[in-house]
Amino acid sequence: MSHYLPQTDNPVGSDVLLIDTRASVSALLTCAEQRFQAAKNLLRCLAHINTYSSDPHDLSAVCEASSLLLQQGCDVLGVLVLREM
């Protein structure tokens, strides 16, 4: 396994966001948890948005941010899975 793995949501042809595969298990779990908690909080806000009074772009922005955070969390957890193999 490479020392640094690109995250799934990097723009095509640009590995800007990388995961340190040698980071401690604790650091990787903390990173993933932070992203999952942030996505959960965004989705909770989404549940309380009034569709009649909100800007349609708000819905799109919350969904996009949640998707990015969830993908990053999954990518970090994926490093832990690869370590176990």
PDB file of N, CA and C in Angstrom:
ATOM      1  N   MET A   1       0.856  -1.176   0.000  1.00  0.00           N
ATOM      2  CA  MET A   1       0.000   0.000   0.000  1.00  0.00           C
ATOM      3  C   MET A   1       0.896   1.232   0.000  1.00  0.00           C
ATOM      4  N   SER A   2       0.528   2.195  -0.810  1.00  0.00           N
ATOM      5  CA  SER A   2       1.272   3.445  -0.910  1.00  0.00           C
ATOM      6  C   SER A   2       1.187   4.214   0.414  1.00  0.00           C
ATOM      7  N   HIS A   3       2.214   5.029   0.682  1.00  0.00           N
ATOM      8  CA  HIS A   3       2.224   5.820   1.920  1.00  0.00           C
ATOM      9  C   HIS A   3       1.053   6.808   1.942  1.00  0.00           C
ATOM     10  N   TYR A   4       0.732   7.396   0.788  1.00  0.00           N
ATOM     11  CA  TYR A   4      -0.387   8.332   0.698  1.00  0.00           C
ATOM     12  C   TYR A   4      -1.349   7.852  -0.386  1.00  0.00           C
ATOM     13  N   LEU A   5      -2.620   7.772  -0.047  1.00  0.00           N
ATOM     14  CA  LEU A   5      -3.657   7.379  -1.000  1.00  0.00           C
ATOM     15  C   LEU A   5      -4.531   8.584  -1.312  1.00  0.00           C
ATOM     16  N   PRO A   6      -4.831   8.810  -2.585  1.00  0.00           N
ATOM     17  CA  PRO A   6      -5.726   9.919  -2.921  1.00  0.00           C
ATOM     18  C   PRO A   6      -7.147   9.615  -2.483  1.00  0.00           C
ATOM     19  N   GLN A   7      -7.846  10.640  -2.075  1.00  0.00           N
ATOM     20  CA  GLN A   7      -9.253  10.466  -1.715  1.00  0.00           C
ATOM     21  C   GLN A   7     -10.088  10.361  -2.985  1.00  0.00           C
ATOM     22  N   THR A   8     -11.196   9.686  -2.883  1.00  0.00           N
ATOM     23  CA  THR A   8     -12.066   9.435  -4.026  1.00  0.00           C
ATOM     24  C   THR A   8     -12.592  10.711  -4.659  1.00  0.00           C
ATOM     25  N   ASP A   9     -12.867  11.732  -3.856  1.00  0.00           N
ATOM     26  CA  ASP A   9     -13.508  12.943  -4.371  1.00  0.00           C
ATOM     27  C   ASP A   9     -12.545  13.990  -4.921  1.00  0.00           C
ATOM     28  N   ASN A  10     -11.280  13.625  -5.156  1.00  0.00           N
ATOM     29  CA  ASN A  10     -10.352  14.554  -5.786  1.00  0.00           C
ATOM     30  C   ASN A  10     -10.804  14.822  -7.216  1.00  0.00           C
ATOM     31  N   PRO A  11     -10.582  16.060  -7.705  1.00  0.00           N
ATOM     32  CA  PRO A  11     -10.909  16.331  -9.105  1.00  0.00           C
ATOM     33  C   PRO A  11     -10.089  15.419 -10.025  1.00  0.00           C
ATOM     34  N   VAL A  12     -10.628  15.107 -11.167  1.00  0.00           N
ATOM     35  CA  VAL A  12      -9.972  14.206 -12.117  1.00  0.00           C
ATOM     36  C   VAL A  12      -8.567  14.723 -12.450  1.00  0.00           C
ATOM     37  N   GLY A  13      -7.607  13.822 -12.330  1.00  0.00           N
ATOM     38  CA  GLY A  13      -6.228  14.157 -12.675  1.00  0.00           C
ATOM     39  C   GLY A  13      -5.502  15.002 -11.651  1.00  0.00           C
ATOM     40  N   SER A  14      -6.073  15.170 -10.476  1.00  0.00           N
ATOM     41  CA  SER A  14      -5.458  16.024  -9.463  1.00  0.00           C
ATOM     42  C   SER A  14      -5.596  15.375  -8.091  1.00  0.00           C
ATOM     43  N   ASP A  15      -4.504  14.812  -7.590  1.00  0.00           N
ATOM     44  CA  ASP A  15      -4.520  14.172  -6.271  1.00  0.00           C
ATOM     45  C   ASP A  15      -4.116  15.177  -5.194  1.00  0.00           C
ATOM     46  N   VAL A  16      -5.030  16.066  -4.870  1.00  0.00           N
ATOM     47  CA  VAL A  16      -4.766  17.127  -3.898  1.00  0.00           C
ATOM     48  C   VAL A  16      -4.972  16.639  -2.476  1.00  0.00           C
ATOM     49  N   LEU A  17      -6.079  15.949  -2.229  1.00  0.00           N
ATOM     50  CA  LEU A  17      -6.386  15.450  -0.895  1.00  0.00           C
ATOM     51  C   LEU A  17      -5.912  14.007  -0.778  1.00  0.00           C
ATOM     52  N   LEU A  18      -5.002  13.783   0.161  1.00  0.00           N
ATOM     53  CA  LEU A  18      -4.396  12.469   0.336  1.00  0.00           C
ATOM     54  C   LEU A  18      -4.594  11.980   1.759  1.00  0.00           C
ATOM     55  N   ILE A  19      -4.631  10.665   1.912  1.00  0.00           N
ATOM     56  CA  ILE A  19      -4.742  10.056   3.232  1.00  0.00           C
ATOM     57  C   ILE A  19      -3.404   9.414   3.571  1.00  0.00           C
ATOM     58  N   ASP A  20      -2.864   9.738   4.740  1.00  0.00           N
ATOM     59  CA  ASP A  20      -1.619   9.139   5.211  1.00  0.00           C
ATOM     60  C   ASP A  20      -1.932   7.731   5.727  1.00  0.00           C
ATOM     61  N   THR A  21      -1.544   6.727   4.952  1.00  0.00           N
ATOM     62  CA  THR A  21      -1.867   5.345   5.323  1.00  0.00           C
ATOM     63  C   THR A  21      -1.084   4.870   6.541  1.00  0.00           C
ATOM     64  N   ARG A  22      -0.071   5.627   6.940  1.00  0.00           N
ATOM     65  CA  ARG A  22       0.721   5.255   8.116  1.00  0.00           C
ATOM     66  C   ARG A  22       0.295   6.006   9.375  1.00  0.00           C
ATOM     67  N   ALA A  23      -0.769   6.784   9.265  1.00  0.00           N
ATOM     68  CA  ALA A  23      -1.287   7.493  10.443  1.00  0.00           C
ATOM     69  C   ALA A  23      -1.774   6.461  11.455  1.00  0.00           C
ATOM     70  N   SER A  24      -1.814   6.860  12.703  1.00  0.00           N
ATOM     71  CA  SER A  24      -2.259   5.934  13.747  1.00  0.00           C
ATOM     72  C   SER A  24      -3.733   5.579  13.542  1.00  0.00           C
ATOM     73  N   VAL A  25      -4.099   4.422  14.038  1.00  0.00           N
ATOM     74  CA  VAL A  25      -5.493   3.984  13.964  1.00  0.00           C
ATOM     75  C   VAL A  25      -6.388   5.022  14.641  1.00  0.00           C
ATOM     76  N   SER A  26      -5.957   5.516  15.769  1.00  0.00           N
ATOM     77  CA  SER A  26      -6.724   6.519  16.502  1.00  0.00           C
ATOM     78  C   SER A  26      -6.935   7.774  15.658  1.00  0.00           C
ATOM     79  N   ALA A  27      -5.895   8.241  14.987  1.00  0.00           N
ATOM     80  CA  ALA A  27      -6.006   9.449  14.157  1.00  0.00           C
ATOM     81  C   ALA A  27      -6.953   9.217  12.984  1.00  0.00           C
ATOM     82  N   LEU A  28      -6.864   8.052  12.359  1.00  0.00           N
ATOM     83  CA  LEU A  28      -7.745   7.744  11.234  1.00  0.00           C
ATOM     84  C   LEU A  28      -9.200   7.656  11.688  1.00  0.00           C
ATOM     85  N   LEU A  29      -9.448   6.987  12.820  1.00  0.00           N
ATOM     86  CA  LEU A  29     -10.811   6.879  13.335  1.00  0.00           C
ATOM     87  C   LEU A  29     -11.378   8.240  13.721  1.00  0.00           C
ATOM     88  N   THR A  30     -10.559   9.082  14.327  1.00  0.00           N
ATOM     89  CA  THR A  30     -10.995  10.425  14.716  1.00  0.00           C
ATOM     90  C   THR A  30     -11.350  11.248  13.481  1.00  0.00           C
ATOM     91  N   CYS A  31     -10.534  11.142  12.445  1.00  0.00           N
ATOM     92  CA  CYS A  31     -10.780  11.861  11.197  1.00  0.00           C
ATOM     93  C   CYS A  31     -12.099  11.412  10.567  1.00  0.00           C
ATOM     94  N   ALA A  32     -12.303  10.098  10.480  1.00  0.00           N
ATOM     95  CA  ALA A  32     -13.540   9.567   9.895  1.00  0.00           C
ATOM     96  C   ALA A  32     -14.744   9.986  10.731  1.00  0.00           C
ATOM     97  N   GLU A  33     -14.631   9.869  12.049  1.00  0.00           N
ATOM     98  CA  GLU A  33     -15.746  10.229  12.927  1.00  0.00           C
ATOM     99  C   GLU A  33     -16.120  11.700  12.773  1.00  0.00           C
ATOM    100  N   GLN A  34     -15.135  12.566  12.664  1.00  0.00           N
ATOM    101  CA  GLN A  34     -15.389  13.995  12.506  1.00  0.00           C
ATOM    102  C   GLN A  34     -16.208  14.258  11.242  1.00  0.00           C
ATOM    103  N   ARG A  35     -15.854  13.585  10.166  1.00  0.00           N
ATOM    104  CA  ARG A  35     -16.578  13.772   8.910  1.00  0.00           C
ATOM    105  C   ARG A  35     -17.993  13.202   8.986  1.00  0.00           C
ATOM    106  N   PHE A  36     -18.153  12.041   9.606  1.00  0.00           N
ATOM    107  CA  PHE A  36     -19.487  11.459   9.738  1.00  0.00           C
ATOM    108  C   PHE A  36     -20.385  12.331  10.618  1.00  0.00           C
ATOM    109  N   GLN A  37     -19.835  12.873  11.695  1.00  0.00           N
ATOM    110  CA  GLN A  37     -20.621  13.752  12.581  1.00  0.00           C
ATOM    111  C   GLN A  37     -21.031  15.031  11.845  1.00  0.00           C
ATOM    112  N   ALA A  38     -20.115  15.608  11.072  1.00  0.00           N
ATOM    113  CA  ALA A  38     -20.435  16.830  10.327  1.00  0.00           C
ATOM    114  C   ALA A  38     -21.523  16.556   9.290  1.00  0.00           C
ATOM    115  N   ALA A  39     -21.422  15.432   8.585  1.00  0.00           N
ATOM    116  CA  ALA A  39     -22.449  15.068   7.602  1.00  0.00           C
ATOM    117  C   ALA A  39     -23.792  14.842   8.289  1.00  0.00           C
ATOM    118  N   LYS A  40     -23.765  14.168   9.438  1.00  0.00           N
ATOM    119  CA  LYS A  40     -25.007  13.936  10.198  1.00  0.00           C
ATOM    120  C   LYS A  40     -25.654  15.254  10.588  1.00  0.00           C
ATOM    121  N   ASN A  41     -24.846  16.215  11.035  1.00  0.00           N
ATOM    122  CA  ASN A  41     -25.380  17.512  11.434  1.00  0.00           C
ATOM    123  C   ASN A  41     -25.975  18.266  10.243  1.00  0.00           C
ATOM    124  N   LEU A  42     -25.320  18.183   9.093  1.00  0.00           N
ATOM    125  CA  LEU A  42     -25.868  18.819   7.890  1.00  0.00           C
ATOM    126  C   LEU A  42     -27.201  18.189   7.502  1.00  0.00           C
ATOM    127  N   LEU A  43     -27.258  16.871   7.556  1.00  0.00           N
ATOM    128  CA  LEU A  43     -28.497  16.178   7.202  1.00  0.00           C
ATOM    129  C   LEU A  43     -29.613  16.471   8.201  1.00  0.00           C
ATOM    130  N   ARG A  44     -29.261  16.665   9.459  1.00  0.00           N
ATOM    131  CA  ARG A  44     -30.258  17.052  10.461  1.00  0.00           C
ATOM    132  C   ARG A  44     -30.825  18.425  10.119  1.00  0.00           C
ATOM    133  N   CYS A  45     -29.947  19.347   9.711  1.00  0.00           N
ATOM    134  CA  CYS A  45     -30.413  20.671   9.279  1.00  0.00           C
ATOM    135  C   CYS A  45     -31.339  20.549   8.074  1.00  0.00           C
ATOM    136  N   LEU A  46     -30.979  19.662   7.163  1.00  0.00           N
ATOM    137  CA  LEU A  46     -31.785  19.440   5.968  1.00  0.00           C
ATOM    138  C   LEU A  46     -33.192  18.968   6.336  1.00  0.00           C
ATOM    139  N   ALA A  47     -33.280  18.165   7.357  1.00  0.00           N
ATOM    140  CA  ALA A  47     -34.579  17.654   7.789  1.00  0.00           C
ATOM    141  C   ALA A  47     -35.490  18.768   8.306  1.00  0.00           C
ATOM    142  N   HIS A  48     -34.899  19.883   8.718  1.00  0.00           N
ATOM    143  CA  HIS A  48     -35.677  20.982   9.277  1.00  0.00           C
ATOM    144  C   HIS A  48     -35.879  22.138   8.302  1.00  0.00           C
ATOM    145  N   ILE A  49     -35.363  21.995   7.079  1.00  0.00           N
ATOM    146  CA  ILE A  49     -35.524  23.061   6.092  1.00  0.00           C
ATOM    147  C   ILE A  49     -36.960  23.068   5.597  1.00  0.00           C
ATOM    148  N   ASN A  50     -37.528  24.235   5.559  1.00  0.00           N
ATOM    149  CA  ASN A  50     -38.871  24.419   5.014  1.00  0.00           C
ATOM    150  C   ASN A  50     -38.720  24.607   3.504  1.00  0.00           C
ATOM    151  N   THR A  51     -39.243  23.685   2.719  1.00  0.00           N
ATOM    152  CA  THR A  51     -39.049  23.726   1.263  1.00  0.00           C
ATOM    153  C   THR A  51     -39.717  24.927   0.610  1.00  0.00           C
ATOM    154  N   TYR A  52     -40.665  25.531   1.284  1.00  0.00           N
ATOM    155  CA  TYR A  52     -41.343  26.688   0.697  1.00  0.00           C
ATOM    156  C   TYR A  52     -40.579  27.983   0.915  1.00  0.00           C
ATOM    157  N   SER A  53     -39.800  28.070   1.966  1.00  0.00           N
ATOM    158  CA  SER A  53     -39.120  29.333   2.271  1.00  0.00           C
ATOM    159  C   SER A  53     -37.609  29.271   2.066  1.00  0.00           C
ATOM    160  N   SER A  54     -37.090  28.127   1.650  1.00  0.00           N
ATOM    161  CA  SER A  54     -35.639  28.024   1.491  1.00  0.00           C
ATOM    162  C   SER A  54     -35.243  28.173   0.023  1.00  0.00           C
ATOM    163  N   ASP A  55     -34.027  28.613  -0.178  1.00  0.00           N
ATOM    164  CA  ASP A  55     -33.458  28.740  -1.515  1.00  0.00           C
ATOM    165  C   ASP A  55     -33.151  27.340  -2.037  1.00  0.00           C
ATOM    166  N   PRO A  56     -33.531  27.012  -3.267  1.00  0.00           N
ATOM    167  CA  PRO A  56     -33.255  25.674  -3.804  1.00  0.00           C
ATOM    168  C   PRO A  56     -31.758  25.349  -3.817  1.00  0.00           C
ATOM    169  N   HIS A  57     -30.940  26.369  -3.878  1.00  0.00           N
ATOM    170  CA  HIS A  57     -29.491  26.147  -3.866  1.00  0.00           C
ATOM    171  C   HIS A  57     -29.005  25.668  -2.498  1.00  0.00           C
ATOM    172  N   ASP A  58     -29.737  26.015  -1.439  1.00  0.00           N
ATOM    173  CA  ASP A  58     -29.391  25.553  -0.096  1.00  0.00           C
ATOM    174  C   ASP A  58     -29.460  24.035  -0.022  1.00  0.00           C
ATOM    175  N   LEU A  59     -30.524  23.473  -0.552  1.00  0.00           N
ATOM    176  CA  LEU A  59     -30.704  22.026  -0.557  1.00  0.00           C
ATOM    177  C   LEU A  59     -29.557  21.348  -1.297  1.00  0.00           C
ATOM    178  N   SER A  60     -29.215  21.871  -2.449  1.00  0.00           N
ATOM    179  CA  SER A  60     -28.127  21.307  -3.246  1.00  0.00           C
ATOM    180  C   SER A  60     -26.789  21.405  -2.510  1.00  0.00           C
ATOM    181  N   ALA A  61     -26.529  22.543  -1.871  1.00  0.00           N
ATOM    182  CA  ALA A  61     -25.268  22.744  -1.158  1.00  0.00           C
ATOM    183  C   ALA A  61     -25.140  21.794   0.024  1.00  0.00           C
ATOM    184  N   VAL A  62     -26.222  21.600   0.774  1.00  0.00           N
ATOM    185  CA  VAL A  62     -26.197  20.693   1.926  1.00  0.00           C
ATOM    186  C   VAL A  62     -25.975  19.255   1.447  1.00  0.00           C
ATOM    187  N   CYS A  63     -26.645  18.872   0.370  1.00  0.00           N
ATOM    188  CA  CYS A  63     -26.476  17.512  -0.159  1.00  0.00           C
ATOM    189  C   CYS A  63     -25.062  17.281  -0.664  1.00  0.00           C
ATOM    190  N   GLU A  64     -24.507  18.254  -1.370  1.00  0.00           N
ATOM    191  CA  GLU A  64     -23.143  18.115  -1.886  1.00  0.00           C
ATOM    192  C   GLU A  64     -22.122  18.036  -0.754  1.00  0.00           C
ATOM    193  N   ALA A  65     -22.251  18.888   0.236  1.00  0.00           N
ATOM    194  CA  ALA A  65     -21.321  18.876   1.369  1.00  0.00           C
ATOM    195  C   ALA A  65     -21.433  17.563   2.138  1.00  0.00           C
ATOM    196  N   SER A  66     -22.646  17.087   2.339  1.00  0.00           N
ATOM    197  CA  SER A  66     -22.847  15.817   3.047  1.00  0.00           C
ATOM    198  C   SER A  66     -22.215  14.668   2.279  1.00  0.00           C
ATOM    199  N   SER A  67     -22.397  14.664   0.980  1.00  0.00           N
ATOM    200  CA  SER A  67     -21.826  13.611   0.148  1.00  0.00           C
ATOM    201  C   SER A  67     -20.298  13.602   0.216  1.00  0.00           C
ATOM    202  N   LEU A  68     -19.695  14.776   0.123  1.00  0.00           N
ATOM    203  CA  LEU A  68     -18.233  14.868   0.210  1.00  0.00           C
ATOM    204  C   LEU A  68     -17.714  14.374   1.563  1.00  0.00           C
ATOM    205  N   LEU A  69     -18.368  14.804   2.632  1.00  0.00           N
ATOM    206  CA  LEU A  69     -17.938  14.389   3.970  1.00  0.00           C
ATOM    207  C   LEU A  69     -18.091  12.886   4.167  1.00  0.00           C
ATOM    208  N   LEU A  70     -19.199  12.325   3.713  1.00  0.00           N
ATOM    209  CA  LEU A  70     -19.400  10.881   3.843  1.00  0.00           C
ATOM    210  C   LEU A  70     -18.381  10.099   3.020  1.00  0.00           C
ATOM    211  N   GLN A  71     -18.073  10.581   1.807  1.00  0.00           N
ATOM    212  CA  GLN A  71     -17.088   9.889   0.978  1.00  0.00           C
ATOM    213  C   GLN A  71     -15.704   9.937   1.624  1.00  0.00           C
ATOM    214  N   GLN A  72     -15.334  11.084   2.169  1.00  0.00           N
ATOM    215  CA  GLN A  72     -14.041  11.192   2.841  1.00  0.00           C
ATOM    216  C   GLN A  72     -13.970  10.263   4.041  1.00  0.00           C
ATOM    217  N   GLY A  73     -15.016  10.215   4.833  1.00  0.00           N
ATOM    218  CA  GLY A  73     -15.045   9.304   5.979  1.00  0.00           C
ATOM    219  C   GLY A  73     -14.911   7.859   5.546  1.00  0.00           C
ATOM    220  N   CYS A  74     -15.603   7.487   4.488  1.00  0.00           N
ATOM    221  CA  CYS A  74     -15.511   6.114   3.965  1.00  0.00           C
ATOM    222  C   CYS A  74     -14.111   5.817   3.438  1.00  0.00           C
ATOM    223  N   ASP A  75     -13.496   6.782   2.773  1.00  0.00           N
ATOM    224  CA  ASP A  75     -12.128   6.595   2.265  1.00  0.00           C
ATOM    225  C   ASP A  75     -11.145   6.353   3.407  1.00  0.00           C
ATOM    226  N   VAL A  76     -11.293   7.118   4.489  1.00  0.00           N
ATOM    227  CA  VAL A  76     -10.402   6.951   5.644  1.00  0.00           C
ATOM    228  C   VAL A  76     -10.614   5.578   6.281  1.00  0.00           C
ATOM    229  N   LEU A  77     -11.864   5.172   6.443  1.00  0.00           N
ATOM    230  CA  LEU A  77     -12.127   3.838   6.990  1.00  0.00           C
ATOM    231  C   LEU A  77     -11.603   2.752   6.051  1.00  0.00           C
ATOM    232  N   GLY A  78     -11.633   3.010   4.752  1.00  0.00           N
ATOM    233  CA  GLY A  78     -11.098   2.065   3.776  1.00  0.00           C
ATOM    234  C   GLY A  78      -9.625   1.793   3.975  1.00  0.00           C
ATOM    235  N   VAL A  79      -8.871   2.794   4.421  1.00  0.00           N
ATOM    236  CA  VAL A  79      -7.446   2.617   4.721  1.00  0.00           C
ATOM    237  C   VAL A  79      -7.284   1.597   5.844  1.00  0.00           C
ATOM    238  N   LEU A  80      -8.127   1.675   6.855  1.00  0.00           N
ATOM    239  CA  LEU A  80      -8.061   0.716   7.965  1.00  0.00           C
ATOM    240  C   LEU A  80      -8.380  -0.692   7.488  1.00  0.00           C
ATOM    241  N   VAL A  81      -9.339  -0.803   6.588  1.00  0.00           N
ATOM    242  CA  VAL A  81      -9.676  -2.127   6.025  1.00  0.00           C
ATOM    243  C   VAL A  81      -8.482  -2.695   5.253  1.00  0.00           C
ATOM    244  N   LEU A  82      -7.839  -1.854   4.446  1.00  0.00           N
ATOM    245  CA  LEU A  82      -6.670  -2.304   3.677  1.00  0.00           C
ATOM    246  C   LEU A  82      -5.523  -2.746   4.579  1.00  0.00           C
ATOM    247  N   ARG A  83      -5.379  -2.067   5.704  1.00  0.00           N
ATOM    248  CA  ARG A  83      -4.315  -2.454   6.652  1.00  0.00           C
ATOM    249  C   ARG A  83      -4.536  -3.853   7.212  1.00  0.00           C
ATOM    250  N   GLU A  84      -5.787  -4.236   7.371  1.00  0.00           N
ATOM    251  CA  GLU A  84      -6.116  -5.539   7.955  1.00  0.00           C
ATOM    252  C   GLU A  84      -5.891  -6.696   6.987  1.00  0.00           C
ATOM    253  N   MET A  85      -5.758  -6.397   5.708  1.00  0.00           N
ATOM    254  CA  MET A  85      -5.593  -7.457   4.701  1.00  0.00           C
ATOM    255  C   MET A  85      -4.171  -7.962   4.661  1.00  0.00           C
TER     256      MET A  85
END
